[in-house]
Amino acid sequence: MKRLLFLAFFAMISVVGFSQSGPKIEFMAKDNTIDYGTVSKDTDSGIRSFEFKNTGDAPLKIINVQSTCGCTVPSKPTEDIMPGKTGKIDVKYNMNPGAIRKTITVESNAVNVEGGKIALKIKGEVIAKKEVNLLEKKKSIMEK
């Protein structure tokens, strides 16, 4: 009997805990990550967008958006995101050649993430345009 009462009490607490009311943020990107892939600085602006939806029942406020370094500049929505509506956080990477592994921290009033904070990630690789040595180019032309 005690076990049955304990189980019923635990089930009731679980249901109450999962039925939080308030704003909830759900990002569309798988694992909250955007993969740039292999891109060239000359052909890519470095701008990507993280789209999200407020799946809660109250306005969602994006309080702050920060990057781990100055090479990645995020911008946050200026208006609250109403329940059922979508928003986006734009991220501009400066496209320095090499691997991209950066984290963007979003602070919000969302009740479905611990402390209202969620980490977004960008990854990929920026390749530099191969420069042609003028002497080698002239030499190859003369050999023909």
C-alpha atoms as a PDB file:
ATOM      1  CA  MET A   1       0.000   0.000   0.000  1.00  0.00           C
ATOM      2  CA  LYS A   2       2.820   2.392   0.869  1.00  0.00           C
ATOM      3  CA  ARG A   3       4.463   1.708  -2.473  1.00  0.00           C
ATOM      4  CA  LEU A   4       1.245   2.438  -4.316  1.00  0.00           C
ATOM      5  CA  LEU A   5       0.804   5.753  -2.499  1.00  0.00           C
ATOM      6  CA  PHE A   6       4.459   6.667  -3.116  1.00  0.00           C
ATOM      7  CA  LEU A   7       4.086   5.828  -6.817  1.00  0.00           C
ATOM      8  CA  ALA A   8       0.898   7.904  -7.104  1.00  0.00           C
ATOM      9  CA  PHE A   9       2.549  10.839  -5.313  1.00  0.00           C
ATOM     10  CA  PHE A  10       5.652  10.621  -7.547  1.00  0.00           C
ATOM     11  CA  ALA A  11       3.481  10.499 -10.704  1.00  0.00           C
ATOM     12  CA  MET A  12       1.548  13.578  -9.584  1.00  0.00           C
ATOM     13  CA  ILE A  13       4.757  15.542  -8.864  1.00  0.00           C
ATOM     14  CA  SER A  14       6.188  14.543 -12.258  1.00  0.00           C
ATOM     15  CA  VAL A  15       3.084  15.721 -14.125  1.00  0.00           C
ATOM     16  CA  VAL A  16       3.127  19.058 -12.308  1.00  0.00           C
ATOM     17  CA  GLY A  17       6.860  19.493 -13.017  1.00  0.00           C
ATOM     18  CA  PHE A  18       6.523  18.839 -16.728  1.00  0.00           C
ATOM     19  CA  SER A  19       3.534  21.097 -17.223  1.00  0.00           C
ATOM     20  CA  GLN A  20       5.392  24.345 -16.657  1.00  0.00           C
ATOM     21  CA  SER A  21       3.667  27.432 -17.875  1.00  0.00           C
ATOM     22  CA  GLY A  22       5.539  30.357 -19.323  1.00  0.00           C
ATOM     23  CA  PRO A  23       7.688  30.979 -22.386  1.00  0.00           C
ATOM     24  CA  LYS A  24       9.520  28.017 -23.929  1.00  0.00           C
ATOM     25  CA  ILE A  25      12.232  28.190 -26.570  1.00  0.00           C
ATOM     26  CA  GLU A  26      12.713  25.464 -29.188  1.00  0.00           C
ATOM     27  CA  PHE A  27      15.476  25.850 -31.801  1.00  0.00           C
ATOM     28  CA  MET A  28      14.992  24.401 -35.297  1.00  0.00           C
ATOM     29  CA  ALA A  29      18.691  23.492 -35.847  1.00  0.00           C
ATOM     30  CA  LYS A  30      19.561  19.904 -35.007  1.00  0.00           C
ATOM     31  CA  ASP A  31      21.502  19.803 -31.718  1.00  0.00           C
ATOM     32  CA  ASN A  32      21.384  23.634 -31.727  1.00  0.00           C
ATOM     33  CA  THR A  33      24.297  23.566 -34.195  1.00  0.00           C
ATOM     34  CA  ILE A  34      24.803  25.136 -37.609  1.00  0.00           C
ATOM     35  CA  ASP A  35      27.428  23.488 -39.805  1.00  0.00           C
ATOM     36  CA  TYR A  36      29.012  25.911 -42.261  1.00  0.00           C
ATOM     37  CA  GLY A  37      30.676  22.990 -44.023  1.00  0.00           C
ATOM     38  CA  THR A  38      33.797  23.862 -46.017  1.00  0.00           C
ATOM     39  CA  VAL A  39      33.499  27.434 -47.257  1.00  0.00           C
ATOM     40  CA  SER A  40      35.721  30.045 -48.851  1.00  0.00           C
ATOM     41  CA  LYS A  41      36.195  33.517 -47.404  1.00  0.00           C
ATOM     42  CA  ASP A  42      35.831  34.962 -50.915  1.00  0.00           C
ATOM     43  CA  THR A  43      32.435  33.420 -51.640  1.00  0.00           C
ATOM     44  CA  ASP A  44      30.670  33.327 -48.244  1.00  0.00           C
ATOM     45  CA  SER A  45      29.495  36.239 -46.083  1.00  0.00           C
ATOM     46  CA  GLY A  46      29.717  34.197 -42.873  1.00  0.00           C
ATOM     47  CA  ILE A  47      26.135  35.050 -41.846  1.00  0.00           C
ATOM     48  CA  ARG A  48      23.851  32.281 -40.586  1.00  0.00           C
ATOM     49  CA  SER A  49      20.585  32.330 -38.617  1.00  0.00           C
ATOM     50  CA  PHE A  50      19.364  30.201 -35.732  1.00  0.00           C
ATOM     51  CA  GLU A  51      15.581  30.024 -35.987  1.00  0.00           C
ATOM     52  CA  PHE A  52      13.492  29.269 -32.910  1.00  0.00           C
ATOM     53  CA  LYS A  53       9.876  29.095 -31.826  1.00  0.00           C
ATOM     54  CA  ASN A  54       8.154  30.114 -28.599  1.00  0.00           C
ATOM     55  CA  THR A  55       6.225  26.938 -27.751  1.00  0.00           C
ATOM     56  CA  GLY A  56       5.098  28.288 -24.391  1.00  0.00           C
ATOM     57  CA  ASP A  57       2.120  30.336 -23.307  1.00  0.00           C
ATOM     58  CA  ALA A  58       3.817  33.651 -22.442  1.00  0.00           C
ATOM     59  CA  PRO A  59       6.017  36.166 -24.318  1.00  0.00           C
ATOM     60  CA  LEU A  60       9.631  35.016 -24.756  1.00  0.00           C
ATOM     61  CA  LYS A  61      12.305  37.620 -24.047  1.00  0.00           C
ATOM     62  CA  ILE A  62      15.815  37.176 -25.402  1.00  0.00           C
ATOM     63  CA  ILE A  63      17.793  39.040 -22.747  1.00  0.00           C
ATOM     64  CA  ASN A  64      21.338  38.631 -24.021  1.00  0.00           C
ATOM     65  CA  VAL A  65      23.305  36.813 -26.721  1.00  0.00           C
ATOM     66  CA  GLN A  66      27.087  36.396 -26.318  1.00  0.00           C
ATOM     67  CA  SER A  67      29.841  34.728 -28.283  1.00  0.00           C
ATOM     68  CA  THR A  68      32.970  33.056 -26.940  1.00  0.00           C
ATOM     69  CA  CYS A  69      35.180  35.413 -28.979  1.00  0.00           C
ATOM     70  CA  GLY A  70      35.161  38.612 -31.007  1.00  0.00           C
ATOM     71  CA  CYS A  71      35.340  36.753 -34.328  1.00  0.00           C
ATOM     72  CA  THR A  72      31.675  35.771 -34.010  1.00  0.00           C
ATOM     73  CA  VAL A  73      29.068  38.514 -33.703  1.00  0.00           C
ATOM     74  CA  PRO A  74      25.506  37.474 -32.781  1.00  0.00           C
ATOM     75  CA  SER A  75      22.452  39.740 -32.901  1.00  0.00           C
ATOM     76  CA  LYS A  76      19.315  39.210 -30.848  1.00  0.00           C
ATOM     77  CA  PRO A  77      15.684  40.024 -31.571  1.00  0.00           C
ATOM     78  CA  THR A  78      14.644  43.410 -30.191  1.00  0.00           C
ATOM     79  CA  GLU A  79      10.977  42.485 -29.671  1.00  0.00           C
ATOM     80  CA  ASP A  80       9.461  39.791 -27.464  1.00  0.00           C
ATOM     81  CA  ILE A  81       8.455  36.603 -29.288  1.00  0.00           C
ATOM     82  CA  MET A  82       4.772  35.889 -28.685  1.00  0.00           C
ATOM     83  CA  PRO A  83       3.505  32.331 -28.004  1.00  0.00           C
ATOM     84  CA  GLY A  84       3.432  30.239 -31.188  1.00  0.00           C
ATOM     85  CA  LYS A  85       5.583  32.745 -33.118  1.00  0.00           C
ATOM     86  CA  THR A  86       9.118  32.309 -34.440  1.00  0.00           C
ATOM     87  CA  GLY A  87      12.222  34.438 -34.169  1.00  0.00           C
ATOM     88  CA  LYS A  88      15.854  34.258 -35.213  1.00  0.00           C
ATOM     89  CA  ILE A  89      19.307  34.993 -33.917  1.00  0.00           C
ATOM     90  CA  ASP A  90      21.725  36.024 -36.664  1.00  0.00           C
ATOM     91  CA  VAL A  91      25.394  35.113 -36.316  1.00  0.00           C
ATOM     92  CA  LYS A  92      28.225  36.610 -38.390  1.00  0.00           C
ATOM     93  CA  TYR A  93      31.554  34.796 -38.391  1.00  0.00           C
ATOM     94  CA  ASN A  94      34.554  36.817 -39.645  1.00  0.00           C
ATOM     95  CA  MET A  95      35.661  33.970 -41.973  1.00  0.00           C
ATOM     96  CA  ASN A  96      39.291  33.659 -40.845  1.00  0.00           C
ATOM     97  CA  PRO A  97      40.824  30.627 -42.605  1.00  0.00           C
ATOM     98  CA  GLY A  98      40.843  27.508 -40.446  1.00  0.00           C
ATOM     99  CA  ALA A  99      38.434  25.448 -38.373  1.00  0.00           C
ATOM    100  CA  ILE A 100      35.252  27.004 -36.984  1.00  0.00           C
ATOM    101  CA  ARG A 101      34.277  25.850 -33.483  1.00  0.00           C
ATOM    102  CA  LYS A 102      32.391  28.584 -31.637  1.00  0.00           C
ATOM    103  CA  THR A 103      29.668  28.754 -28.992  1.00  0.00           C
ATOM    104  CA  ILE A 104      26.979  31.406 -28.631  1.00  0.00           C
ATOM    105  CA  THR A 105      25.156  31.650 -25.286  1.00  0.00           C
ATOM    106  CA  VAL A 106      21.535  32.805 -25.314  1.00  0.00           C
ATOM    107  CA  GLU A 107      19.987  34.149 -22.112  1.00  0.00           C
ATOM    108  CA  SER A 108      16.194  34.259 -22.013  1.00  0.00           C
ATOM    109  CA  ASN A 109      13.188  33.966 -19.738  1.00  0.00           C
ATOM    110  CA  ALA A 110      12.414  30.467 -21.104  1.00  0.00           C
ATOM    111  CA  VAL A 111      11.239  27.994 -18.466  1.00  0.00           C
ATOM    112  CA  ASN A 112      12.190  24.845 -20.399  1.00  0.00           C
ATOM    113  CA  VAL A 113      15.972  25.380 -20.219  1.00  0.00           C
ATOM    114  CA  GLU A 114      18.015  25.525 -17.038  1.00  0.00           C
ATOM    115  CA  GLY A 115      18.471  29.107 -15.878  1.00  0.00           C
ATOM    116  CA  GLY A 116      17.005  30.355 -19.164  1.00  0.00           C
ATOM    117  CA  LYS A 117      20.404  29.809 -20.831  1.00  0.00           C
ATOM    118  CA  ILE A 118      21.017  27.724 -23.916  1.00  0.00           C
ATOM    119  CA  ALA A 119      24.212  27.141 -25.936  1.00  0.00           C
ATOM    120  CA  LEU A 120      24.243  27.388 -29.719  1.00  0.00           C
ATOM    121  CA  LYS A 121      27.197  26.179 -31.779  1.00  0.00           C
ATOM    122  CA  ILE A 122      28.673  26.857 -35.177  1.00  0.00           C
ATOM    123  CA  LYS A 123      31.203  24.614 -36.847  1.00  0.00           C
ATOM    124  CA  GLY A 124      32.904  24.181 -40.194  1.00  0.00           C
ATOM    125  CA  GLU A 125      36.065  25.137 -41.997  1.00  0.00           C
ATOM    126  CA  VAL A 126      37.080  28.243 -43.911  1.00  0.00           C
ATOM    127  CA  ILE A 127      39.581  27.688 -46.679  1.00  0.00           C
ATOM    128  CA  ALA A 128      41.796  30.366 -48.169  1.00  0.00           C
ATOM    129  CA  LYS A 129      41.784  30.953 -51.895  1.00  0.00           C
ATOM    130  CA  LYS A 130      44.865  29.375 -53.410  1.00  0.00           C
ATOM    131  CA  GLU A 131      47.132  32.135 -54.635  1.00  0.00           C
ATOM    132  CA  VAL A 132      48.851  31.632 -57.954  1.00  0.00           C
ATOM    133  CA  ASN A 133      52.536  32.474 -58.046  1.00  0.00           C
ATOM    134  CA  LEU A 134      53.075  34.716 -61.085  1.00  0.00           C
ATOM    135  CA  LEU A 135      56.497  33.217 -61.807  1.00  0.00           C
ATOM    136  CA  GLU A 136      55.061  29.686 -61.879  1.00  0.00           C
ATOM    137  CA  LYS A 137      52.192  30.838 -64.079  1.00  0.00           C
ATOM    138  CA  LYS A 138      54.604  32.496 -66.529  1.00  0.00           C
ATOM    139  CA  LYS A 139      56.827  29.408 -66.512  1.00  0.00           C
ATOM    140  CA  SER A 140      53.910  27.069 -67.311  1.00  0.00           C
ATOM    141  CA  ILE A 141      52.797  29.325 -70.171  1.00  0.00           C
ATOM    142  CA  MET A 142      56.323  29.407 -71.647  1.00  0.00           C
ATOM    143  CA  GLU A 143      56.581  25.592 -71.521  1.00  0.00           C
ATOM    144  CA  LYS A 144      53.555  25.179 -73.791  1.00  0.00           C
END
